[in-house]
Amino acid sequence: MKAFAASGRPLAANCRGPWALVEADVLRGKTLIAYPSLRTDVTNAGAKALEAVTMVLLAPSTRAASLARPNHP
């Protein structure tokens, strides 16, 4: 994971994946979007955690979305 992170390619993680990035110590100096329950951990790992709704175009017909529902922290 450290070699991949050092390559400069974009990183993506969902569900419990961000904790793997925290444990691998690859978030320092990065800015990322994090679910509210993860923000303290990624901030303590040296990352800047933002709250936002995102839609990223991965391929012409494939999209990935991240949304934190306000009433489901």
N, C-alpha and C. Protein backbone atom coordinates (compact mmCIF):
# COMPACT_ATOMS: atom_id res chain seq x y z
N MET A 1 0.83 -1.18 0.00
CA MET A 1 0.00 0.00 0.00
C MET A 1 0.87 1.25 0.00
N LYS A 2 1.97 1.22 0.73
CA LYS A 2 2.84 2.41 0.77
C LYS A 2 3.45 2.69 -0.60
N ALA A 3 3.83 1.65 -1.32
CA ALA A 3 4.41 1.84 -2.65
C ALA A 3 3.39 2.44 -3.60
N PHE A 4 2.16 1.96 -3.53
CA PHE A 4 1.11 2.50 -4.39
C PHE A 4 0.85 3.96 -4.05
N ALA A 5 0.76 4.28 -2.77
CA ALA A 5 0.52 5.67 -2.35
C ALA A 5 1.66 6.58 -2.79
N ALA A 6 2.87 6.08 -2.74
CA ALA A 6 4.03 6.88 -3.13
C ALA A 6 4.10 7.09 -4.64
N SER A 7 3.37 6.30 -5.41
CA SER A 7 3.41 6.39 -6.87
C SER A 7 2.74 7.65 -7.40
N GLY A 8 1.94 8.31 -6.56
CA GLY A 8 1.26 9.52 -6.99
C GLY A 8 -0.09 9.27 -7.64
N ARG A 9 -0.47 8.01 -7.78
CA ARG A 9 -1.79 7.70 -8.35
C ARG A 9 -2.86 7.97 -7.30
N PRO A 10 -4.09 8.26 -7.73
CA PRO A 10 -5.17 8.52 -6.78
C PRO A 10 -5.46 7.30 -5.91
N LEU A 11 -5.77 7.54 -4.65
CA LEU A 11 -6.17 6.48 -3.73
C LEU A 11 -7.67 6.57 -3.50
N ALA A 12 -8.30 5.44 -3.34
CA ALA A 12 -9.72 5.41 -3.02
C ALA A 12 -9.96 4.30 -2.01
N ALA A 13 -10.86 4.55 -1.09
CA ALA A 13 -11.20 3.53 -0.09
C ALA A 13 -12.63 3.74 0.34
N ASN A 14 -13.32 2.66 0.61
CA ASN A 14 -14.68 2.78 1.13
C ASN A 14 -14.85 1.86 2.32
N CYS A 15 -15.95 2.02 3.00
CA CYS A 15 -16.29 1.23 4.18
C CYS A 15 -15.16 1.35 5.22
N ARG A 16 -14.48 0.27 5.53
CA ARG A 16 -13.40 0.30 6.52
C ARG A 16 -12.03 0.59 5.91
N GLY A 17 -12.00 0.76 4.60
CA GLY A 17 -10.75 1.00 3.88
C GLY A 17 -9.93 2.19 4.36
N PRO A 18 -10.58 3.32 4.72
CA PRO A 18 -9.79 4.45 5.20
C PRO A 18 -8.94 4.12 6.43
N TRP A 19 -9.42 3.21 7.27
CA TRP A 19 -8.61 2.84 8.43
C TRP A 19 -7.35 2.09 8.00
N ALA A 20 -7.41 1.34 6.92
CA ALA A 20 -6.21 0.68 6.39
C ALA A 20 -5.20 1.72 5.93
N LEU A 21 -5.69 2.81 5.32
CA LEU A 21 -4.80 3.90 4.90
C LEU A 21 -4.19 4.60 6.11
N VAL A 22 -4.99 4.76 7.17
CA VAL A 22 -4.47 5.35 8.42
C VAL A 22 -3.36 4.47 8.98
N GLU A 23 -3.62 3.18 9.07
CA GLU A 23 -2.63 2.24 9.63
C GLU A 23 -1.38 2.15 8.78
N ALA A 24 -1.51 2.32 7.48
CA ALA A 24 -0.34 2.26 6.58
C ALA A 24 0.44 3.57 6.60
N ASP A 25 -0.08 4.59 7.30
CA ASP A 25 0.57 5.89 7.41
C ASP A 25 0.83 6.53 6.04
N VAL A 26 -0.20 6.51 5.19
CA VAL A 26 -0.06 7.09 3.85
C VAL A 26 -0.93 8.34 3.66
N LEU A 27 -1.57 8.82 4.71
CA LEU A 27 -2.46 9.97 4.58
C LEU A 27 -1.82 11.30 4.94
N ARG A 28 -0.67 11.28 5.56
CA ARG A 28 -0.02 12.53 6.01
C ARG A 28 0.14 13.50 4.84
N GLY A 29 -0.40 14.72 5.02
CA GLY A 29 -0.28 15.76 4.00
C GLY A 29 -1.32 15.69 2.89
N LYS A 30 -2.21 14.71 2.94
CA LYS A 30 -3.23 14.55 1.91
C LYS A 30 -4.52 15.25 2.33
N THR A 31 -5.33 15.61 1.36
CA THR A 31 -6.67 16.14 1.60
C THR A 31 -7.65 15.12 1.05
N LEU A 32 -8.65 14.76 1.85
CA LEU A 32 -9.60 13.76 1.41
C LEU A 32 -10.98 14.04 1.96
N ILE A 33 -11.94 13.37 1.38
CA ILE A 33 -13.32 13.44 1.85
C ILE A 33 -13.52 12.25 2.77
N ALA A 34 -14.03 12.51 3.97
CA ALA A 34 -14.18 11.44 4.95
C ALA A 34 -15.56 11.49 5.59
N TYR A 35 -16.11 10.33 5.82
CA TYR A 35 -17.36 10.20 6.54
C TYR A 35 -17.16 10.76 7.95
N PRO A 36 -18.16 11.38 8.56
CA PRO A 36 -17.98 12.02 9.87
C PRO A 36 -17.32 11.14 10.93
N SER A 37 -17.64 9.87 10.98
CA SER A 37 -17.06 9.00 12.01
C SER A 37 -15.59 8.70 11.78
N LEU A 38 -15.06 9.02 10.60
CA LEU A 38 -13.64 8.78 10.29
C LEU A 38 -12.78 10.02 10.41
N ARG A 39 -13.39 11.18 10.48
CA ARG A 39 -12.63 12.43 10.41
C ARG A 39 -11.56 12.56 11.49
N THR A 40 -11.87 12.19 12.72
CA THR A 40 -10.88 12.30 13.79
C THR A 40 -9.68 11.42 13.48
N ASP A 41 -9.91 10.20 13.03
CA ASP A 41 -8.80 9.29 12.74
C ASP A 41 -7.94 9.77 11.57
N VAL A 42 -8.56 10.22 10.48
CA VAL A 42 -7.75 10.67 9.35
C VAL A 42 -7.04 11.99 9.66
N THR A 43 -7.66 12.84 10.48
CA THR A 43 -7.00 14.08 10.89
C THR A 43 -5.80 13.77 11.79
N ASN A 44 -5.97 12.84 12.72
CA ASN A 44 -4.86 12.44 13.57
C ASN A 44 -3.75 11.77 12.78
N ALA A 45 -4.08 11.21 11.61
CA ALA A 45 -3.08 10.58 10.74
C ALA A 45 -2.37 11.61 9.87
N GLY A 46 -2.73 12.88 10.03
CA GLY A 46 -2.03 13.94 9.31
C GLY A 46 -2.70 14.41 8.04
N ALA A 47 -3.93 13.99 7.81
CA ALA A 47 -4.65 14.39 6.60
C ALA A 47 -5.63 15.51 6.92
N LYS A 48 -6.03 16.22 5.90
CA LYS A 48 -7.08 17.23 6.04
C LYS A 48 -8.36 16.56 5.54
N ALA A 49 -9.34 16.42 6.42
CA ALA A 49 -10.59 15.75 6.09
C ALA A 49 -11.67 16.77 5.77
N LEU A 50 -12.28 16.64 4.61
CA LEU A 50 -13.35 17.53 4.17
C LEU A 50 -14.67 16.79 4.20
N GLU A 51 -15.74 17.55 4.31
CA GLU A 51 -17.08 16.99 4.20
C GLU A 51 -17.67 17.49 2.91
N ALA A 52 -18.00 16.58 2.03
CA ALA A 52 -18.57 16.99 0.75
C ALA A 52 -19.27 15.82 0.09
N VAL A 53 -20.16 16.14 -0.80
CA VAL A 53 -20.79 15.14 -1.66
C VAL A 53 -19.96 15.13 -2.94
N THR A 54 -19.55 13.96 -3.38
CA THR A 54 -18.70 13.89 -4.56
C THR A 54 -19.28 12.96 -5.61
N MET A 55 -18.99 13.25 -6.83
CA MET A 55 -19.30 12.36 -7.94
C MET A 55 -18.05 12.36 -8.81
N VAL A 56 -17.43 11.22 -8.95
CA VAL A 56 -16.17 11.13 -9.69
C VAL A 56 -16.40 10.28 -10.92
N LEU A 57 -15.99 10.76 -12.06
CA LEU A 57 -16.10 10.00 -13.29
C LEU A 57 -14.91 9.05 -13.38
N LEU A 58 -15.16 7.75 -13.31
CA LEU A 58 -14.09 6.75 -13.35
C LEU A 58 -13.86 6.26 -14.77
N ALA A 59 -14.91 6.08 -15.53
CA ALA A 59 -14.86 5.63 -16.92
C ALA A 59 -16.10 6.23 -17.60
N PRO A 60 -16.17 6.16 -18.91
CA PRO A 60 -17.30 6.83 -19.59
C PRO A 60 -18.68 6.53 -19.00
N SER A 61 -18.92 5.31 -18.54
CA SER A 61 -20.26 5.00 -18.03
C SER A 61 -20.25 4.50 -16.59
N THR A 62 -19.17 4.74 -15.87
CA THR A 62 -19.05 4.26 -14.49
C THR A 62 -18.84 5.44 -13.57
N ARG A 63 -19.64 5.53 -12.51
CA ARG A 63 -19.50 6.62 -11.55
C ARG A 63 -19.45 6.06 -10.14
N ALA A 64 -18.76 6.76 -9.26
CA ALA A 64 -18.74 6.40 -7.84
C ALA A 64 -19.15 7.63 -7.05
N ALA A 65 -20.00 7.46 -6.08
CA ALA A 65 -20.49 8.59 -5.29
C ALA A 65 -20.23 8.36 -3.81
N SER A 66 -20.05 9.44 -3.10
CA SER A 66 -19.89 9.38 -1.65
C SER A 66 -20.79 10.42 -1.04
N LEU A 67 -21.65 10.01 -0.12
CA LEU A 67 -22.60 10.93 0.49
C LEU A 67 -22.80 10.55 1.95
N ALA A 68 -22.64 11.51 2.83
CA ALA A 68 -22.94 11.29 4.25
C ALA A 68 -24.33 11.85 4.50
N ARG A 69 -25.25 10.99 4.86
CA ARG A 69 -26.61 11.45 5.14
C ARG A 69 -26.64 12.18 6.48
N PRO A 70 -27.22 13.36 6.55
CA PRO A 70 -27.21 14.16 7.78
C PRO A 70 -27.79 13.44 9.00
N ASN A 71 -28.80 12.61 8.81
CA ASN A 71 -29.40 11.95 9.96
C ASN A 71 -28.84 10.55 10.19
N HIS A 72 -27.72 10.24 9.56
CA HIS A 72 -27.08 8.93 9.71
C HIS A 72 -25.58 9.12 9.86
N PRO A 73 -25.11 9.66 10.99
CA PRO A 73 -23.68 9.98 11.15
C PRO A 73 -22.78 8.80 11.22
